[in-house]
Amino acid sequence: MKFFDKLRMETQGDAARLQSTPQIVDALHGRITRQAYIDYLAQAFHHVRHTVPLMQAAKARLDDQHARFRLALDEYIEEETGHEEWILDDIAAAGGDAEGVRRSQPNEATELMVAYAYDQVQRGNPMSFFGMVYVLEGTSIQLADMGAKAVQKSLGLPPAAFRYLTSHGALDIEHMAFFESLMNEVDSAEDQAAIIHMARRMFGLFGGVFASIHNEAGVAHAS
């Protein structure tokens, strides 16, 4: 079995639990308030601004036997640089306080997700970072394909409020094809185990990020 298929198979239960998070279910059906969307973007800002530093940290710890993966991280770094600013632009276009978000602190769940990623990359196996890539890019494709359209329609917000999500739909579809090919080059059992472990933990932690967002319009989790 190719490693990408193994990764998908061994994390499918974790992925299903993330996808069943009430806030994600509501977003995919357009059942969220404008404030909940802005709050989602705020948490996205607080983890996306660490994407490039995490990639740089992972690259710094990869040895010459992982040169192929260092090159891949260079490509990711070039693609991902500045995306946190797109999110702030979306917040402003949606009527939120972008500069207030820049100065704010993340929710506890977001802070813990980012801290765990740094811990694994800096203390454990730096190849584990690709497990985080698998979770975040796969989820953003889902949200971009269905969530952005549903939320925009229900809230009547301008397209300028969805640059981050809509751009990541097309971008991450390309990235996922590249990622699948890259993962099929991972032949070390230790590296494979580290990537799967990170992905499983990230599905749970990312679910916590969504669960931390209050949504008064939610039907899926209304009492």
N, C-alpha and C. Protein backbone atom coordinates (compact mmCIF):
# COMPACT_ATOMS: atom_id res chain seq x y z
N MET A 1 0.84 -1.20 0.00
CA MET A 1 0.00 0.00 0.00
C MET A 1 0.88 1.25 0.00
N LYS A 2 0.55 2.20 -0.84
CA LYS A 2 1.28 3.46 -0.86
C LYS A 2 1.03 4.20 0.45
N PHE A 3 2.03 5.00 0.87
CA PHE A 3 1.91 5.62 2.19
C PHE A 3 0.74 6.60 2.26
N PHE A 4 0.47 7.37 1.22
CA PHE A 4 -0.65 8.30 1.29
C PHE A 4 -1.96 7.56 1.57
N ASP A 5 -2.15 6.42 0.92
CA ASP A 5 -3.36 5.63 1.15
C ASP A 5 -3.39 5.10 2.59
N LYS A 6 -2.23 4.72 3.10
CA LYS A 6 -2.15 4.25 4.49
C LYS A 6 -2.50 5.39 5.45
N LEU A 7 -1.98 6.57 5.18
CA LEU A 7 -2.27 7.74 6.01
C LEU A 7 -3.76 8.04 6.04
N ARG A 8 -4.38 8.01 4.88
CA ARG A 8 -5.82 8.28 4.79
C ARG A 8 -6.62 7.19 5.52
N MET A 9 -6.22 5.94 5.33
CA MET A 9 -6.95 4.84 5.94
C MET A 9 -6.85 4.87 7.46
N GLU A 10 -5.65 5.13 7.99
CA GLU A 10 -5.44 5.07 9.43
C GLU A 10 -5.97 6.29 10.18
N THR A 11 -6.35 7.32 9.43
CA THR A 11 -6.87 8.53 10.09
C THR A 11 -8.32 8.81 9.72
N GLN A 12 -8.98 7.88 9.01
CA GLN A 12 -10.32 8.20 8.53
C GLN A 12 -11.33 8.37 9.66
N GLY A 13 -11.17 7.63 10.75
CA GLY A 13 -12.05 7.80 11.89
C GLY A 13 -11.87 9.17 12.53
N ASP A 14 -10.63 9.62 12.64
CA ASP A 14 -10.33 10.93 13.20
C ASP A 14 -10.88 12.03 12.30
N ALA A 15 -10.75 11.83 10.99
CA ALA A 15 -11.27 12.81 10.04
C ALA A 15 -12.79 12.91 10.14
N ALA A 16 -13.45 11.77 10.30
CA ALA A 16 -14.91 11.76 10.41
C ALA A 16 -15.37 12.50 11.66
N ARG A 17 -14.63 12.35 12.77
CA ARG A 17 -15.00 13.05 13.99
C ARG A 17 -14.85 14.56 13.83
N LEU A 18 -13.79 14.99 13.13
CA LEU A 18 -13.63 16.42 12.86
C LEU A 18 -14.78 16.94 12.01
N GLN A 19 -15.12 16.21 10.96
CA GLN A 19 -16.18 16.65 10.05
C GLN A 19 -17.55 16.69 10.72
N SER A 20 -17.71 15.95 11.83
CA SER A 20 -18.99 15.96 12.52
C SER A 20 -19.06 17.03 13.61
N THR A 21 -18.00 17.83 13.76
CA THR A 21 -18.03 18.93 14.72
C THR A 21 -19.20 19.85 14.37
N PRO A 22 -20.09 20.15 15.32
CA PRO A 22 -21.29 20.93 15.00
C PRO A 22 -21.03 22.23 14.25
N GLN A 23 -19.97 22.94 14.63
CA GLN A 23 -19.69 24.21 13.96
C GLN A 23 -19.34 24.01 12.49
N ILE A 24 -18.67 22.90 12.14
CA ILE A 24 -18.37 22.62 10.74
C ILE A 24 -19.64 22.22 10.00
N VAL A 25 -20.46 21.38 10.63
CA VAL A 25 -21.73 20.99 10.02
C VAL A 25 -22.58 22.22 9.73
N ASP A 26 -22.66 23.13 10.69
CA ASP A 26 -23.43 24.35 10.51
C ASP A 26 -22.88 25.21 9.37
N ALA A 27 -21.55 25.35 9.32
CA ALA A 27 -20.94 26.17 8.28
C ALA A 27 -21.24 25.61 6.89
N LEU A 28 -21.17 24.30 6.75
CA LEU A 28 -21.41 23.69 5.46
C LEU A 28 -22.86 23.86 5.00
N HIS A 29 -23.75 24.15 5.96
CA HIS A 29 -25.16 24.39 5.62
C HIS A 29 -25.52 25.88 5.71
N GLY A 30 -24.52 26.74 5.88
CA GLY A 30 -24.78 28.18 5.93
C GLY A 30 -25.49 28.63 7.19
N ARG A 31 -25.39 27.85 8.27
CA ARG A 31 -26.12 28.17 9.49
C ARG A 31 -25.19 28.81 10.52
N ILE A 32 -24.56 29.90 10.15
CA ILE A 32 -23.71 30.58 11.13
C ILE A 32 -23.97 32.09 11.06
N THR A 33 -23.67 32.78 12.15
CA THR A 33 -23.82 34.22 12.19
C THR A 33 -22.57 34.88 11.59
N ARG A 34 -22.70 36.15 11.26
CA ARG A 34 -21.54 36.91 10.77
C ARG A 34 -20.45 36.92 11.82
N GLN A 35 -20.83 37.08 13.10
CA GLN A 35 -19.82 37.11 14.16
C GLN A 35 -19.10 35.77 14.28
N ALA A 36 -19.84 34.67 14.10
CA ALA A 36 -19.19 33.36 14.17
C ALA A 36 -18.19 33.20 13.03
N TYR A 37 -18.52 33.72 11.85
CA TYR A 37 -17.59 33.65 10.72
C TYR A 37 -16.34 34.48 11.02
N ILE A 38 -16.54 35.67 11.57
CA ILE A 38 -15.40 36.52 11.92
C ILE A 38 -14.55 35.84 13.01
N ASP A 39 -15.22 35.22 13.97
CA ASP A 39 -14.50 34.52 15.03
C ASP A 39 -13.70 33.34 14.46
N TYR A 40 -14.27 32.64 13.47
CA TYR A 40 -13.53 31.57 12.80
C TYR A 40 -12.28 32.13 12.13
N LEU A 41 -12.44 33.25 11.41
CA LEU A 41 -11.30 33.86 10.74
C LEU A 41 -10.24 34.30 11.75
N ALA A 42 -10.67 34.77 12.92
CA ALA A 42 -9.71 35.18 13.94
C ALA A 42 -8.85 34.00 14.39
N GLN A 43 -9.49 32.86 14.60
CA GLN A 43 -8.72 31.68 15.01
C GLN A 43 -7.84 31.18 13.86
N ALA A 44 -8.35 31.30 12.63
CA ALA A 44 -7.53 30.94 11.47
C ALA A 44 -6.28 31.81 11.42
N PHE A 45 -6.44 33.10 11.66
CA PHE A 45 -5.28 34.01 11.69
C PHE A 45 -4.26 33.54 12.71
N HIS A 46 -4.75 33.16 13.89
CA HIS A 46 -3.82 32.82 14.97
C HIS A 46 -3.07 31.51 14.73
N HIS A 47 -3.59 30.62 13.90
CA HIS A 47 -2.77 29.44 13.59
C HIS A 47 -2.04 29.58 12.25
N VAL A 48 -2.64 30.26 11.28
CA VAL A 48 -1.99 30.39 9.97
C VAL A 48 -0.71 31.23 10.07
N ARG A 49 -0.68 32.20 10.99
CA ARG A 49 0.54 33.02 11.09
C ARG A 49 1.74 32.21 11.58
N HIS A 50 1.48 30.99 12.08
CA HIS A 50 2.58 30.12 12.51
C HIS A 50 2.97 29.10 11.43
N THR A 51 2.24 29.07 10.32
CA THR A 51 2.52 28.05 9.30
C THR A 51 3.94 28.14 8.78
N VAL A 52 4.35 29.32 8.34
CA VAL A 52 5.70 29.47 7.78
C VAL A 52 6.78 29.25 8.85
N PRO A 53 6.66 29.82 10.06
CA PRO A 53 7.67 29.50 11.09
C PRO A 53 7.76 28.01 11.41
N LEU A 54 6.63 27.30 11.40
CA LEU A 54 6.66 25.86 11.64
C LEU A 54 7.38 25.14 10.51
N MET A 55 7.13 25.56 9.28
CA MET A 55 7.83 24.96 8.14
C MET A 55 9.33 25.21 8.23
N GLN A 56 9.70 26.43 8.60
CA GLN A 56 11.12 26.75 8.73
C GLN A 56 11.77 25.93 9.84
N ALA A 57 11.05 25.73 10.92
CA ALA A 57 11.59 24.93 12.02
C ALA A 57 11.75 23.47 11.61
N ALA A 58 10.78 22.95 10.87
CA ALA A 58 10.87 21.56 10.41
C ALA A 58 12.03 21.40 9.44
N LYS A 59 12.15 22.33 8.51
CA LYS A 59 13.22 22.26 7.52
C LYS A 59 14.59 22.29 8.19
N ALA A 60 14.74 23.12 9.21
CA ALA A 60 16.03 23.27 9.89
C ALA A 60 16.48 21.98 10.56
N ARG A 61 15.52 21.11 10.91
CA ARG A 61 15.88 19.88 11.62
C ARG A 61 15.97 18.66 10.70
N LEU A 62 15.66 18.83 9.42
CA LEU A 62 15.74 17.69 8.50
C LEU A 62 17.18 17.52 8.01
N ASP A 63 17.65 16.29 8.02
CA ASP A 63 19.03 16.02 7.59
C ASP A 63 19.10 15.84 6.08
N ASP A 64 20.32 15.56 5.59
CA ASP A 64 20.53 15.44 4.15
C ASP A 64 19.76 14.27 3.53
N GLN A 65 19.44 13.26 4.32
CA GLN A 65 18.65 12.15 3.80
C GLN A 65 17.21 12.57 3.48
N HIS A 66 16.83 13.73 3.99
CA HIS A 66 15.49 14.27 3.76
C HIS A 66 15.53 15.52 2.87
N ALA A 67 16.54 15.60 2.03
CA ALA A 67 16.71 16.78 1.18
C ALA A 67 15.48 17.03 0.31
N ARG A 68 14.86 15.95 -0.18
CA ARG A 68 13.66 16.09 -1.02
C ARG A 68 12.56 16.82 -0.26
N PHE A 69 12.46 16.55 1.02
CA PHE A 69 11.39 17.14 1.81
C PHE A 69 11.73 18.57 2.23
N ARG A 70 13.02 18.87 2.34
CA ARG A 70 13.42 20.26 2.56
C ARG A 70 13.05 21.12 1.36
N LEU A 71 13.26 20.60 0.16
CA LEU A 71 12.88 21.33 -1.05
C LEU A 71 11.37 21.54 -1.11
N ALA A 72 10.63 20.51 -0.72
CA ALA A 72 9.17 20.63 -0.72
C ALA A 72 8.73 21.72 0.25
N LEU A 73 9.38 21.80 1.41
CA LEU A 73 9.04 22.83 2.38
C LEU A 73 9.36 24.22 1.83
N ASP A 74 10.42 24.34 1.05
CA ASP A 74 10.72 25.62 0.40
C ASP A 74 9.56 26.06 -0.49
N GLU A 75 8.99 25.11 -1.22
CA GLU A 75 7.85 25.42 -2.09
C GLU A 75 6.64 25.83 -1.26
N TYR A 76 6.39 25.10 -0.20
CA TYR A 76 5.27 25.44 0.69
C TYR A 76 5.46 26.83 1.30
N ILE A 77 6.67 27.12 1.75
CA ILE A 77 6.95 28.42 2.37
C ILE A 77 6.67 29.55 1.40
N GLU A 78 7.12 29.38 0.15
CA GLU A 78 6.87 30.40 -0.87
C GLU A 78 5.37 30.61 -1.09
N GLU A 79 4.62 29.51 -1.11
CA GLU A 79 3.18 29.58 -1.35
C GLU A 79 2.42 30.19 -0.17
N GLU A 80 2.84 29.89 1.04
CA GLU A 80 2.05 30.23 2.23
C GLU A 80 2.40 31.59 2.84
N THR A 81 3.50 32.17 2.44
CA THR A 81 3.92 33.44 3.03
C THR A 81 2.86 34.53 2.81
N GLY A 82 2.48 35.17 3.89
CA GLY A 82 1.55 36.29 3.82
C GLY A 82 0.08 35.95 3.88
N HIS A 83 -0.26 34.66 3.99
CA HIS A 83 -1.68 34.29 3.97
C HIS A 83 -2.43 34.78 5.21
N GLU A 84 -1.72 35.00 6.31
CA GLU A 84 -2.40 35.53 7.48
C GLU A 84 -2.94 36.94 7.23
N GLU A 85 -2.27 37.67 6.32
CA GLU A 85 -2.76 39.01 5.97
C GLU A 85 -4.03 38.93 5.13
N TRP A 86 -4.16 37.88 4.31
CA TRP A 86 -5.41 37.68 3.57
C TRP A 86 -6.57 37.54 4.55
N ILE A 87 -6.32 36.81 5.64
CA ILE A 87 -7.38 36.57 6.61
C ILE A 87 -7.81 37.89 7.26
N LEU A 88 -6.85 38.74 7.60
CA LEU A 88 -7.20 40.03 8.18
C LEU A 88 -8.00 40.88 7.20
N ASP A 89 -7.65 40.81 5.91
CA ASP A 89 -8.42 41.53 4.89
C ASP A 89 -9.86 41.02 4.83
N ASP A 90 -10.03 39.70 4.95
CA ASP A 90 -11.37 39.11 4.95
C ASP A 90 -12.17 39.58 6.16
N ILE A 91 -11.52 39.64 7.31
CA ILE A 91 -12.19 40.11 8.52
C ILE A 91 -12.70 41.53 8.34
N ALA A 92 -11.85 42.39 7.78
CA ALA A 92 -12.26 43.78 7.53
C ALA A 92 -13.42 43.84 6.55
N ALA A 93 -13.37 43.04 5.48
CA ALA A 93 -14.43 43.04 4.47
C ALA A 93 -15.74 42.51 5.04
N ALA A 94 -15.65 41.67 6.08
CA ALA A 94 -16.86 41.13 6.72
C ALA A 94 -17.39 42.04 7.81
N GLY A 95 -16.72 43.17 8.02
CA GLY A 95 -17.17 44.13 9.02
C GLY A 95 -16.54 43.95 10.38
N GLY A 96 -15.49 43.15 10.47
CA GLY A 96 -14.82 42.92 11.75
C GLY A 96 -13.66 43.87 11.96
N ASP A 97 -13.06 43.79 13.14
CA ASP A 97 -11.94 44.63 13.54
C ASP A 97 -10.64 43.86 13.29
N ALA A 98 -10.09 44.03 12.10
CA ALA A 98 -8.90 43.27 11.72
C ALA A 98 -7.71 43.56 12.62
N GLU A 99 -7.49 44.82 12.92
CA GLU A 99 -6.34 45.18 13.76
C GLU A 99 -6.55 44.69 15.19
N GLY A 100 -7.81 44.67 15.63
CA GLY A 100 -8.10 44.11 16.95
C GLY A 100 -7.76 42.64 17.00
N VAL A 101 -8.07 41.91 15.92
CA VAL A 101 -7.72 40.49 15.84
C VAL A 101 -6.21 40.31 15.84
N ARG A 102 -5.50 41.16 15.11
CA ARG A 102 -4.04 41.06 15.07
C ARG A 102 -3.45 41.18 16.48
N ARG A 103 -4.04 42.03 17.30
CA ARG A 103 -3.52 42.27 18.66
C ARG A 103 -4.07 41.29 19.68
N SER A 104 -5.05 40.48 19.29
CA SER A 104 -5.73 39.60 20.24
C SER A 104 -4.93 38.33 20.53
N GLN A 105 -5.39 37.60 21.53
CA GLN A 105 -4.83 36.30 21.86
C GLN A 105 -5.72 35.19 21.28
N PRO A 106 -5.16 34.07 20.90
CA PRO A 106 -5.98 32.97 20.37
C PRO A 106 -6.82 32.33 21.46
N ASN A 107 -7.89 31.65 21.04
CA ASN A 107 -8.62 30.79 21.98
C ASN A 107 -7.67 29.73 22.52
N GLU A 108 -8.00 29.19 23.68
CA GLU A 108 -7.15 28.16 24.30
C GLU A 108 -6.92 26.99 23.35
N ALA A 109 -7.97 26.55 22.66
CA ALA A 109 -7.83 25.38 21.78
C ALA A 109 -6.85 25.66 20.64
N THR A 110 -6.89 26.88 20.12
CA THR A 110 -5.98 27.26 19.03
C THR A 110 -4.54 27.33 19.54
N GLU A 111 -4.38 27.93 20.71
CA GLU A 111 -3.05 28.03 21.31
C GLU A 111 -2.45 26.65 21.55
N LEU A 112 -3.26 25.72 22.03
CA LEU A 112 -2.77 24.38 22.31
C LEU A 112 -2.43 23.63 21.02
N MET A 113 -3.22 23.83 19.96
CA MET A 113 -2.93 23.17 18.69
C MET A 113 -1.58 23.63 18.15
N VAL A 114 -1.36 24.94 18.17
CA VAL A 114 -0.10 25.49 17.67
C VAL A 114 1.07 25.03 18.54
N ALA A 115 0.88 25.05 19.85
CA ALA A 115 1.95 24.63 20.75
C ALA A 115 2.32 23.16 20.53
N TYR A 116 1.33 22.32 20.31
CA TYR A 116 1.59 20.91 20.06
C TYR A 116 2.40 20.73 18.77
N ALA A 117 2.04 21.50 17.75
CA ALA A 117 2.77 21.39 16.48
C ALA A 117 4.23 21.76 16.66
N TYR A 118 4.49 22.86 17.36
CA TYR A 118 5.88 23.25 17.62
C TYR A 118 6.60 22.17 18.43
N ASP A 119 5.94 21.62 19.41
CA ASP A 119 6.56 20.60 20.25
C ASP A 119 6.99 19.39 19.42
N GLN A 120 6.11 18.91 18.57
CA GLN A 120 6.43 17.74 17.76
C GLN A 120 7.56 18.02 16.77
N VAL A 121 7.52 19.20 16.16
CA VAL A 121 8.54 19.55 15.16
C VAL A 121 9.90 19.77 15.81
N GLN A 122 9.91 20.41 16.97
CA GLN A 122 11.18 20.79 17.60
C GLN A 122 11.73 19.73 18.55
N ARG A 123 10.84 18.96 19.16
CA ARG A 123 11.29 17.94 20.13
C ARG A 123 11.26 16.54 19.54
N GLY A 124 10.31 16.30 18.64
CA GLY A 124 10.15 14.98 18.07
C GLY A 124 10.72 14.87 16.67
N ASN A 125 9.99 14.21 15.80
CA ASN A 125 10.44 14.00 14.41
C ASN A 125 9.91 15.14 13.55
N PRO A 126 10.78 15.96 12.93
CA PRO A 126 10.30 17.09 12.13
C PRO A 126 9.44 16.68 10.94
N MET A 127 9.56 15.44 10.50
CA MET A 127 8.71 14.97 9.40
C MET A 127 7.24 14.92 9.82
N SER A 128 7.01 14.93 11.13
CA SER A 128 5.63 14.91 11.62
C SER A 128 4.83 16.10 11.11
N PHE A 129 5.51 17.18 10.77
CA PHE A 129 4.81 18.38 10.30
C PHE A 129 3.86 18.07 9.14
N PHE A 130 4.24 17.09 8.31
CA PHE A 130 3.40 16.78 7.15
C PHE A 130 2.05 16.19 7.56
N GLY A 131 1.96 15.67 8.78
CA GLY A 131 0.67 15.23 9.28
C GLY A 131 -0.27 16.41 9.51
N MET A 132 0.28 17.52 9.94
CA MET A 132 -0.51 18.74 10.11
C MET A 132 -0.94 19.28 8.75
N VAL A 133 -0.05 19.23 7.78
CA VAL A 133 -0.41 19.68 6.43
C VAL A 133 -1.60 18.88 5.91
N TYR A 134 -1.57 17.59 6.11
CA TYR A 134 -2.65 16.73 5.64
C TYR A 134 -4.00 17.14 6.22
N VAL A 135 -4.02 17.44 7.50
CA VAL A 135 -5.28 17.81 8.17
C VAL A 135 -5.76 19.18 7.72
N LEU A 136 -4.89 20.17 7.76
CA LEU A 136 -5.33 21.54 7.48
C LEU A 136 -5.70 21.74 6.02
N GLU A 137 -4.93 21.16 5.11
CA GLU A 137 -5.26 21.36 3.70
C GLU A 137 -6.51 20.58 3.30
N GLY A 138 -6.66 19.38 3.81
CA GLY A 138 -7.86 18.61 3.50
C GLY A 138 -9.11 19.29 4.02
N THR A 139 -9.03 19.87 5.23
CA THR A 139 -10.19 20.55 5.81
C THR A 139 -10.50 21.83 5.07
N SER A 140 -9.47 22.58 4.66
CA SER A 140 -9.72 23.83 3.97
C SER A 140 -10.35 23.60 2.60
N ILE A 141 -10.02 22.49 1.95
CA ILE A 141 -10.68 22.16 0.67
C ILE A 141 -12.17 21.96 0.91
N GLN A 142 -12.51 21.22 1.96
CA GLN A 142 -13.91 20.96 2.27
C GLN A 142 -14.64 22.26 2.57
N LEU A 143 -14.05 23.11 3.38
CA LEU A 143 -14.70 24.36 3.75
C LEU A 143 -14.80 25.30 2.56
N ALA A 144 -13.79 25.32 1.71
CA ALA A 144 -13.81 26.21 0.55
C ALA A 144 -14.84 25.77 -0.47
N ASP A 145 -14.93 24.48 -0.71
CA ASP A 145 -15.84 23.97 -1.74
C ASP A 145 -17.30 24.19 -1.37
N MET A 146 -17.65 23.96 -0.11
CA MET A 146 -19.05 24.01 0.30
C MET A 146 -19.34 25.13 1.29
N GLY A 147 -18.48 25.26 2.27
CA GLY A 147 -18.74 26.21 3.34
C GLY A 147 -18.77 27.66 2.91
N ALA A 148 -17.78 28.08 2.11
CA ALA A 148 -17.71 29.49 1.72
C ALA A 148 -18.96 29.92 0.95
N LYS A 149 -19.40 29.10 0.01
CA LYS A 149 -20.58 29.45 -0.77
C LYS A 149 -21.82 29.51 0.11
N ALA A 150 -21.97 28.54 1.00
CA ALA A 150 -23.15 28.50 1.86
C ALA A 150 -23.17 29.69 2.82
N VAL A 151 -22.02 30.02 3.41
CA VAL A 151 -21.95 31.13 4.35
C VAL A 151 -22.16 32.46 3.63
N GLN A 152 -21.54 32.63 2.47
CA GLN A 152 -21.70 33.88 1.72
C GLN A 152 -23.17 34.10 1.34
N LYS A 153 -23.83 33.04 0.92
CA LYS A 153 -25.23 33.15 0.53
C LYS A 153 -26.11 33.50 1.72
N SER A 154 -25.87 32.86 2.86
CA SER A 154 -26.75 33.09 4.02
C SER A 154 -26.50 34.43 4.68
N LEU A 155 -25.25 34.92 4.64
CA LEU A 155 -24.92 36.17 5.31
C LEU A 155 -24.94 37.38 4.39
N GLY A 156 -24.92 37.15 3.08
CA GLY A 156 -24.93 38.25 2.13
C GLY A 156 -23.66 39.09 2.15
N LEU A 157 -22.54 38.45 2.49
CA LEU A 157 -21.26 39.15 2.53
C LEU A 157 -20.64 39.22 1.13
N PRO A 158 -19.80 40.21 0.87
CA PRO A 158 -19.16 40.33 -0.45
C PRO A 158 -18.10 39.26 -0.66
N PRO A 159 -17.78 38.96 -1.93
CA PRO A 159 -16.72 37.99 -2.22
C PRO A 159 -15.39 38.35 -1.55
N ALA A 160 -15.16 39.66 -1.33
CA ALA A 160 -13.90 40.10 -0.71
C ALA A 160 -13.74 39.59 0.71
N ALA A 161 -14.83 39.11 1.31
CA ALA A 161 -14.75 38.58 2.68
C ALA A 161 -14.37 37.10 2.71
N PHE A 162 -14.12 36.52 1.53
CA PHE A 162 -13.87 35.07 1.46
C PHE A 162 -12.60 34.74 0.67
N ARG A 163 -11.69 35.69 0.58
CA ARG A 163 -10.47 35.44 -0.21
C ARG A 163 -9.69 34.25 0.33
N TYR A 164 -9.53 34.19 1.64
CA TYR A 164 -8.73 33.11 2.23
C TYR A 164 -9.33 31.75 1.90
N LEU A 165 -10.62 31.59 2.14
CA LEU A 165 -11.26 30.29 1.91
C LEU A 165 -11.30 29.93 0.44
N THR A 166 -11.77 30.86 -0.41
CA THR A 166 -11.95 30.51 -1.81
C THR A 166 -10.61 30.29 -2.52
N SER A 167 -9.61 31.08 -2.17
CA SER A 167 -8.29 30.88 -2.79
C SER A 167 -7.69 29.56 -2.36
N HIS A 168 -7.94 29.17 -1.10
CA HIS A 168 -7.38 27.92 -0.62
C HIS A 168 -8.09 26.71 -1.20
N GLY A 169 -9.29 26.89 -1.69
CA GLY A 169 -9.95 25.76 -2.34
C GLY A 169 -9.15 25.27 -3.53
N ALA A 170 -8.90 26.17 -4.48
CA ALA A 170 -8.14 25.82 -5.68
C ALA A 170 -6.68 25.53 -5.35
N LEU A 171 -6.11 26.36 -4.47
CA LEU A 171 -4.70 26.21 -4.12
C LEU A 171 -4.43 24.88 -3.44
N ASP A 172 -5.30 24.52 -2.49
CA ASP A 172 -5.06 23.30 -1.73
C ASP A 172 -5.39 22.03 -2.50
N ILE A 173 -6.26 22.13 -3.51
CA ILE A 173 -6.47 20.98 -4.39
C ILE A 173 -5.17 20.66 -5.12
N GLU A 174 -4.50 21.71 -5.60
CA GLU A 174 -3.18 21.52 -6.23
C GLU A 174 -2.19 20.98 -5.21
N HIS A 175 -2.20 21.60 -4.02
CA HIS A 175 -1.28 21.18 -2.97
C HIS A 175 -1.49 19.72 -2.59
N MET A 176 -2.76 19.29 -2.54
CA MET A 176 -3.03 17.92 -2.09
C MET A 176 -2.51 16.90 -3.11
N ALA A 177 -2.60 17.22 -4.40
CA ALA A 177 -2.04 16.33 -5.41
C ALA A 177 -0.52 16.24 -5.24
N PHE A 178 0.11 17.39 -5.00
CA PHE A 178 1.54 17.43 -4.75
C PHE A 178 1.88 16.67 -3.47
N PHE A 179 1.05 16.89 -2.44
CA PHE A 179 1.27 16.26 -1.14
C PHE A 179 1.17 14.74 -1.25
N GLU A 180 0.19 14.24 -2.00
CA GLU A 180 0.04 12.79 -2.16
C GLU A 180 1.29 12.19 -2.79
N SER A 181 1.78 12.82 -3.84
CA SER A 181 2.99 12.34 -4.49
C SER A 181 4.19 12.38 -3.54
N LEU A 182 4.27 13.47 -2.76
CA LEU A 182 5.38 13.63 -1.83
C LEU A 182 5.33 12.55 -0.73
N MET A 183 4.14 12.31 -0.19
CA MET A 183 4.02 11.33 0.88
C MET A 183 4.36 9.92 0.40
N ASN A 184 4.11 9.64 -0.86
CA ASN A 184 4.44 8.32 -1.38
C ASN A 184 5.94 8.11 -1.53
N GLU A 185 6.71 9.17 -1.28
CA GLU A 185 8.17 9.06 -1.26
C GLU A 185 8.70 8.81 0.15
N VAL A 186 7.84 8.85 1.15
CA VAL A 186 8.27 8.62 2.54
C VAL A 186 8.40 7.11 2.74
N ASP A 187 9.61 6.63 2.83
CA ASP A 187 9.81 5.18 2.93
C ASP A 187 10.28 4.73 4.31
N SER A 188 10.55 5.67 5.21
CA SER A 188 10.98 5.32 6.56
C SER A 188 9.75 5.02 7.42
N ALA A 189 9.77 3.86 8.07
CA ALA A 189 8.66 3.49 8.95
C ALA A 189 8.54 4.48 10.11
N GLU A 190 9.67 4.98 10.59
CA GLU A 190 9.66 5.95 11.70
C GLU A 190 9.00 7.26 11.26
N ASP A 191 9.35 7.72 10.06
CA ASP A 191 8.75 8.95 9.54
C ASP A 191 7.26 8.77 9.30
N GLN A 192 6.89 7.64 8.74
CA GLN A 192 5.48 7.38 8.47
C GLN A 192 4.68 7.39 9.78
N ALA A 193 5.21 6.75 10.80
CA ALA A 193 4.52 6.70 12.09
C ALA A 193 4.37 8.09 12.68
N ALA A 194 5.39 8.93 12.54
CA ALA A 194 5.34 10.29 13.07
C ALA A 194 4.29 11.13 12.35
N ILE A 195 4.20 10.97 11.05
CA ILE A 195 3.22 11.72 10.26
C ILE A 195 1.80 11.29 10.62
N ILE A 196 1.58 10.00 10.74
CA ILE A 196 0.25 9.50 11.10
C ILE A 196 -0.13 9.97 12.50
N HIS A 197 0.82 9.90 13.44
CA HIS A 197 0.56 10.34 14.81
C HIS A 197 0.16 11.82 14.85
N MET A 198 0.92 12.65 14.15
CA MET A 198 0.60 14.09 14.11
C MET A 198 -0.77 14.32 13.49
N ALA A 199 -1.07 13.63 12.41
CA ALA A 199 -2.37 13.81 11.75
C ALA A 199 -3.51 13.46 12.69
N ARG A 200 -3.39 12.34 13.40
CA ARG A 200 -4.46 11.92 14.31
C ARG A 200 -4.66 12.95 15.42
N ARG A 201 -3.57 13.44 15.97
CA ARG A 201 -3.69 14.44 17.03
C ARG A 201 -4.25 15.75 16.47
N MET A 202 -3.83 16.13 15.27
CA MET A 202 -4.29 17.39 14.69
C MET A 202 -5.78 17.36 14.36
N PHE A 203 -6.29 16.23 13.92
CA PHE A 203 -7.72 16.15 13.67
C PHE A 203 -8.49 16.48 14.95
N GLY A 204 -8.04 15.93 16.08
CA GLY A 204 -8.70 16.20 17.35
C GLY A 204 -8.52 17.64 17.80
N LEU A 205 -7.30 18.15 17.70
CA LEU A 205 -7.02 19.52 18.13
C LEU A 205 -7.72 20.55 17.26
N PHE A 206 -7.77 20.30 15.96
CA PHE A 206 -8.43 21.24 15.05
C PHE A 206 -9.94 21.22 15.30
N GLY A 207 -10.47 20.06 15.62
CA GLY A 207 -11.87 19.98 16.01
C GLY A 207 -12.15 20.85 17.21
N GLY A 208 -11.20 20.88 18.16
CA GLY A 208 -11.34 21.73 19.33
C GLY A 208 -11.35 23.21 18.99
N VAL A 209 -10.59 23.59 17.98
CA VAL A 209 -10.58 24.98 17.53
C VAL A 209 -11.98 25.39 17.05
N PHE A 210 -12.58 24.54 16.22
CA PHE A 210 -13.93 24.84 15.73
C PHE A 210 -14.95 24.83 16.87
N ALA A 211 -14.81 23.89 17.78
CA ALA A 211 -15.74 23.78 18.90
C ALA A 211 -15.67 24.99 19.83
N SER A 212 -14.56 25.71 19.81
CA SER A 212 -14.39 26.87 20.68
C SER A 212 -15.11 28.11 20.15
N ILE A 213 -15.66 28.04 18.95
CA ILE A 213 -16.30 29.19 18.32
C ILE A 213 -17.80 29.15 18.62
N HIS A 214 -18.29 30.19 19.28
CA HIS A 214 -19.72 30.26 19.62
C HIS A 214 -20.52 30.66 18.39
N ASN A 215 -21.60 29.96 18.14
CA ASN A 215 -22.44 30.23 16.97
C ASN A 215 -23.91 30.19 17.35
N GLU A 216 -24.49 31.36 17.55
CA GLU A 216 -25.89 31.44 17.98
C GLU A 216 -26.87 30.90 16.94
N ALA A 217 -26.43 30.93 15.67
CA ALA A 217 -27.34 30.47 14.60
C ALA A 217 -27.28 28.97 14.40
N GLY A 218 -26.42 28.29 15.15
CA GLY A 218 -26.24 26.86 14.94
C GLY A 218 -27.50 26.05 15.19
N VAL A 219 -27.83 25.20 14.23
CA VAL A 219 -28.95 24.30 14.36
C VAL A 219 -28.46 22.95 14.86
N ALA A 220 -27.30 22.54 14.36
CA ALA A 220 -26.78 21.21 14.67
C ALA A 220 -26.52 21.04 16.16
N HIS A 221 -26.17 22.13 16.86
CA HIS A 221 -25.87 21.99 18.28
C HIS A 221 -26.74 22.89 19.14
N ALA A 222 -27.91 23.29 18.60
CA ALA A 222 -28.82 24.12 19.39
C ALA A 222 -29.50 23.26 20.45
N SER A 223 -29.73 23.85 21.61
CA SER A 223 -30.36 23.10 22.68
C SER A 223 -31.88 23.17 22.56
